[in-house]
Amino acid sequence: MIKVRKISKEEFYLNPSLIEIIEKTPDTMITLINKKKYIVSDTIGELLEKITEYYKVVGLTSPQITFHSYDFEEGDDTPFRLIEP
């Protein structure tokens, strides 16, 4: 489980295996595979770091993380590289 923060600063834990989509709309919105949505204050980069760390800790290979450059604002210092489709 990864810890995420709602806009209200309330923290909760989420199973990253249930995440289908993470969007910036302009807030960060997480959509689960059951279509339930959460708006969180964490950035996409922070979430991707937490998800990657989660998979390392549990000893699994994280799923392929791909994104398009429009997912991030210019100057966003995410540690993840762009993978062109």
N, C-alpha and C. Protein backbone atom coordinates (compact mmCIF):
# COMPACT_ATOMS: atom_id res chain seq x y z
N MET A 1 0.84 -1.18 0.00
CA MET A 1 0.00 0.00 0.00
C MET A 1 0.89 1.24 0.00
N ILE A 2 0.40 2.28 -0.66
CA ILE A 2 1.11 3.56 -0.67
C ILE A 2 0.25 4.60 0.04
N LYS A 3 0.93 5.53 0.73
CA LYS A 3 0.21 6.60 1.42
C LYS A 3 0.02 7.76 0.46
N VAL A 4 -1.22 8.23 0.33
CA VAL A 4 -1.53 9.40 -0.50
C VAL A 4 -2.32 10.40 0.35
N ARG A 5 -2.34 11.66 -0.11
CA ARG A 5 -3.02 12.71 0.62
C ARG A 5 -4.15 13.28 -0.22
N LYS A 6 -5.33 13.35 0.37
CA LYS A 6 -6.44 14.03 -0.29
C LYS A 6 -6.15 15.53 -0.27
N ILE A 7 -6.88 16.28 -1.07
CA ILE A 7 -6.74 17.73 -1.09
C ILE A 7 -6.95 18.30 0.32
N SER A 8 -7.82 17.68 1.10
CA SER A 8 -8.10 18.12 2.47
C SER A 8 -6.96 17.79 3.43
N LYS A 9 -5.87 17.23 2.91
CA LYS A 9 -4.68 16.82 3.67
C LYS A 9 -4.89 15.53 4.46
N GLU A 10 -6.07 14.93 4.38
CA GLU A 10 -6.32 13.65 5.03
C GLU A 10 -5.52 12.58 4.28
N GLU A 11 -4.81 11.74 5.03
CA GLU A 11 -4.00 10.69 4.42
C GLU A 11 -4.76 9.37 4.42
N PHE A 12 -4.53 8.57 3.38
CA PHE A 12 -5.09 7.23 3.33
C PHE A 12 -4.15 6.36 2.51
N TYR A 13 -4.36 5.06 2.57
CA TYR A 13 -3.50 4.11 1.88
C TYR A 13 -4.26 3.49 0.71
N LEU A 14 -3.53 3.29 -0.38
CA LEU A 14 -4.11 2.82 -1.61
C LEU A 14 -3.26 1.68 -2.17
N ASN A 15 -3.91 0.65 -2.66
CA ASN A 15 -3.20 -0.46 -3.28
C ASN A 15 -2.85 -0.05 -4.71
N PRO A 16 -1.57 0.12 -5.03
CA PRO A 16 -1.20 0.58 -6.37
C PRO A 16 -1.55 -0.41 -7.48
N SER A 17 -1.78 -1.66 -7.14
CA SER A 17 -2.17 -2.63 -8.15
C SER A 17 -3.57 -2.36 -8.69
N LEU A 18 -4.35 -1.55 -7.98
CA LEU A 18 -5.71 -1.24 -8.41
C LEU A 18 -5.80 0.03 -9.24
N ILE A 19 -4.66 0.73 -9.42
CA ILE A 19 -4.67 1.99 -10.17
C ILE A 19 -4.73 1.70 -11.66
N GLU A 20 -5.68 2.33 -12.33
CA GLU A 20 -5.78 2.22 -13.78
C GLU A 20 -5.17 3.44 -14.45
N ILE A 21 -5.52 4.64 -13.96
CA ILE A 21 -5.08 5.88 -14.59
C ILE A 21 -4.72 6.90 -13.52
N ILE A 22 -3.66 7.68 -13.78
CA ILE A 22 -3.34 8.85 -12.97
C ILE A 22 -3.33 10.03 -13.93
N GLU A 23 -4.14 11.05 -13.63
CA GLU A 23 -4.27 12.20 -14.52
C GLU A 23 -4.00 13.50 -13.76
N LYS A 24 -3.61 14.50 -14.51
CA LYS A 24 -3.46 15.85 -13.98
C LYS A 24 -4.57 16.68 -14.63
N THR A 25 -5.54 17.15 -13.82
CA THR A 25 -6.76 17.72 -14.42
C THR A 25 -7.24 19.04 -13.84
N PRO A 26 -6.65 20.02 -13.36
CA PRO A 26 -5.24 20.24 -13.06
C PRO A 26 -4.80 19.57 -11.77
N ASP A 27 -5.74 19.17 -10.89
CA ASP A 27 -5.34 18.40 -9.71
C ASP A 27 -5.00 16.98 -10.16
N THR A 28 -4.31 16.26 -9.30
CA THR A 28 -3.98 14.88 -9.62
C THR A 28 -5.16 13.99 -9.28
N MET A 29 -5.65 13.26 -10.29
CA MET A 29 -6.80 12.38 -10.10
C MET A 29 -6.37 10.94 -10.39
N ILE A 30 -6.67 10.06 -9.43
CA ILE A 30 -6.38 8.64 -9.56
C ILE A 30 -7.69 7.92 -9.85
N THR A 31 -7.71 7.13 -10.92
CA THR A 31 -8.86 6.30 -11.23
C THR A 31 -8.46 4.84 -11.02
N LEU A 32 -9.24 4.13 -10.23
CA LEU A 32 -8.97 2.72 -9.97
C LEU A 32 -9.64 1.85 -11.03
N ILE A 33 -9.30 0.57 -11.04
CA ILE A 33 -9.86 -0.33 -12.05
C ILE A 33 -11.37 -0.51 -11.89
N ASN A 34 -11.91 -0.20 -10.69
CA ASN A 34 -13.36 -0.27 -10.48
C ASN A 34 -14.04 1.06 -10.79
N LYS A 35 -13.28 1.99 -11.40
CA LYS A 35 -13.74 3.33 -11.83
C LYS A 35 -13.93 4.32 -10.67
N LYS A 36 -13.59 3.94 -9.44
CA LYS A 36 -13.63 4.88 -8.32
C LYS A 36 -12.50 5.88 -8.50
N LYS A 37 -12.78 7.16 -8.21
CA LYS A 37 -11.80 8.22 -8.45
C LYS A 37 -11.44 8.92 -7.15
N TYR A 38 -10.17 9.32 -7.04
CA TYR A 38 -9.68 10.09 -5.90
C TYR A 38 -8.91 11.29 -6.43
N ILE A 39 -9.17 12.46 -5.88
CA ILE A 39 -8.37 13.65 -6.17
C ILE A 39 -7.41 13.81 -5.01
N VAL A 40 -6.12 13.85 -5.33
CA VAL A 40 -5.09 13.89 -4.29
C VAL A 40 -4.17 15.08 -4.48
N SER A 41 -3.48 15.44 -3.41
CA SER A 41 -2.55 16.57 -3.49
C SER A 41 -1.15 16.14 -3.93
N ASP A 42 -0.89 14.83 -3.95
CA ASP A 42 0.40 14.34 -4.43
C ASP A 42 0.53 14.63 -5.92
N THR A 43 1.75 14.92 -6.38
CA THR A 43 1.97 15.12 -7.81
C THR A 43 2.08 13.77 -8.49
N ILE A 44 1.98 13.77 -9.81
CA ILE A 44 2.15 12.52 -10.56
C ILE A 44 3.53 11.93 -10.31
N GLY A 45 4.55 12.78 -10.31
CA GLY A 45 5.92 12.31 -10.06
C GLY A 45 6.06 11.65 -8.70
N GLU A 46 5.45 12.26 -7.66
CA GLU A 46 5.50 11.68 -6.31
C GLU A 46 4.80 10.32 -6.29
N LEU A 47 3.65 10.22 -6.94
CA LEU A 47 2.93 8.95 -6.98
C LEU A 47 3.73 7.88 -7.70
N LEU A 48 4.36 8.23 -8.82
CA LEU A 48 5.15 7.25 -9.56
C LEU A 48 6.34 6.77 -8.73
N GLU A 49 6.95 7.67 -7.96
CA GLU A 49 8.04 7.27 -7.07
C GLU A 49 7.54 6.29 -6.01
N LYS A 50 6.40 6.60 -5.39
CA LYS A 50 5.82 5.73 -4.36
C LYS A 50 5.46 4.36 -4.92
N ILE A 51 4.89 4.35 -6.12
CA ILE A 51 4.50 3.08 -6.74
C ILE A 51 5.73 2.24 -7.05
N THR A 52 6.75 2.87 -7.61
CA THR A 52 7.99 2.14 -7.93
C THR A 52 8.63 1.60 -6.66
N GLU A 53 8.69 2.40 -5.60
CA GLU A 53 9.26 1.95 -4.32
C GLU A 53 8.44 0.81 -3.73
N TYR A 54 7.12 0.89 -3.83
CA TYR A 54 6.24 -0.18 -3.34
C TYR A 54 6.60 -1.51 -4.01
N TYR A 55 6.73 -1.50 -5.33
CA TYR A 55 7.04 -2.74 -6.03
C TYR A 55 8.43 -3.27 -5.69
N LYS A 56 9.38 -2.37 -5.42
CA LYS A 56 10.71 -2.82 -4.98
C LYS A 56 10.63 -3.49 -3.63
N VAL A 57 9.88 -2.90 -2.70
CA VAL A 57 9.76 -3.44 -1.34
C VAL A 57 9.10 -4.80 -1.33
N VAL A 58 8.07 -4.98 -2.12
CA VAL A 58 7.37 -6.27 -2.13
C VAL A 58 8.06 -7.29 -3.04
N GLY A 59 9.12 -6.88 -3.72
CA GLY A 59 9.91 -7.81 -4.52
C GLY A 59 9.32 -8.16 -5.87
N LEU A 60 8.51 -7.26 -6.41
CA LEU A 60 7.93 -7.48 -7.72
C LEU A 60 8.47 -6.44 -8.69
N THR A 61 8.40 -6.75 -9.96
CA THR A 61 8.77 -5.78 -10.99
C THR A 61 7.59 -4.86 -11.21
N SER A 62 7.85 -3.56 -11.17
CA SER A 62 6.74 -2.62 -11.37
C SER A 62 6.28 -2.68 -12.82
N PRO A 63 5.01 -2.36 -13.03
CA PRO A 63 4.51 -2.34 -14.41
C PRO A 63 5.22 -1.26 -15.21
N GLN A 64 5.22 -1.40 -16.52
CA GLN A 64 5.83 -0.40 -17.40
C GLN A 64 5.11 0.94 -17.18
N ILE A 65 5.86 1.95 -16.78
CA ILE A 65 5.27 3.27 -16.58
C ILE A 65 5.59 4.11 -17.80
N THR A 66 4.56 4.49 -18.51
CA THR A 66 4.75 5.35 -19.68
C THR A 66 3.89 6.58 -19.52
N PHE A 67 4.32 7.66 -20.08
CA PHE A 67 3.53 8.88 -20.06
C PHE A 67 3.93 9.74 -21.23
N HIS A 68 3.09 10.67 -21.56
CA HIS A 68 3.36 11.61 -22.63
C HIS A 68 3.78 12.93 -22.02
N SER A 69 4.52 13.71 -22.75
CA SER A 69 5.06 14.95 -22.20
C SER A 69 3.97 15.90 -21.73
N TYR A 70 2.74 15.81 -22.24
CA TYR A 70 1.69 16.71 -21.81
C TYR A 70 1.18 16.37 -20.41
N ASP A 71 1.61 15.25 -19.84
CA ASP A 71 1.20 14.89 -18.49
C ASP A 71 1.91 15.73 -17.43
N PHE A 72 2.99 16.40 -17.79
CA PHE A 72 3.78 17.15 -16.84
C PHE A 72 3.98 18.57 -17.33
N GLU A 73 3.99 19.50 -16.41
CA GLU A 73 4.26 20.88 -16.77
C GLU A 73 5.75 21.05 -17.00
N GLU A 74 6.10 22.02 -17.80
CA GLU A 74 7.51 22.30 -18.04
C GLU A 74 8.16 22.66 -16.72
N GLY A 75 9.33 22.11 -16.48
CA GLY A 75 10.04 22.36 -15.25
C GLY A 75 9.72 21.35 -14.16
N ASP A 76 8.77 20.46 -14.40
CA ASP A 76 8.45 19.42 -13.43
C ASP A 76 9.65 18.48 -13.38
N ASP A 77 10.28 18.36 -12.23
CA ASP A 77 11.51 17.58 -12.13
C ASP A 77 11.24 16.14 -11.71
N THR A 78 10.45 15.46 -12.53
CA THR A 78 10.15 14.06 -12.27
C THR A 78 11.38 13.20 -12.61
N PRO A 79 11.64 12.15 -11.82
CA PRO A 79 12.81 11.31 -12.10
C PRO A 79 12.57 10.29 -13.20
N PHE A 80 11.38 10.28 -13.78
CA PHE A 80 11.06 9.27 -14.77
C PHE A 80 11.29 9.81 -16.18
N ARG A 81 11.80 8.96 -17.05
CA ARG A 81 12.10 9.43 -18.41
C ARG A 81 10.90 9.22 -19.31
N LEU A 82 10.85 10.00 -20.35
CA LEU A 82 9.77 9.95 -21.31
C LEU A 82 9.98 8.76 -22.24
N ILE A 83 8.97 7.94 -22.41
CA ILE A 83 9.01 6.80 -23.33
C ILE A 83 8.02 7.13 -24.43
N GLU A 84 8.52 7.37 -25.62
CA GLU A 84 7.65 7.73 -26.75
C GLU A 84 6.87 6.50 -27.20
N PRO A 85 5.57 6.68 -27.52
CA PRO A 85 4.76 5.55 -27.99
C PRO A 85 5.18 5.08 -29.36
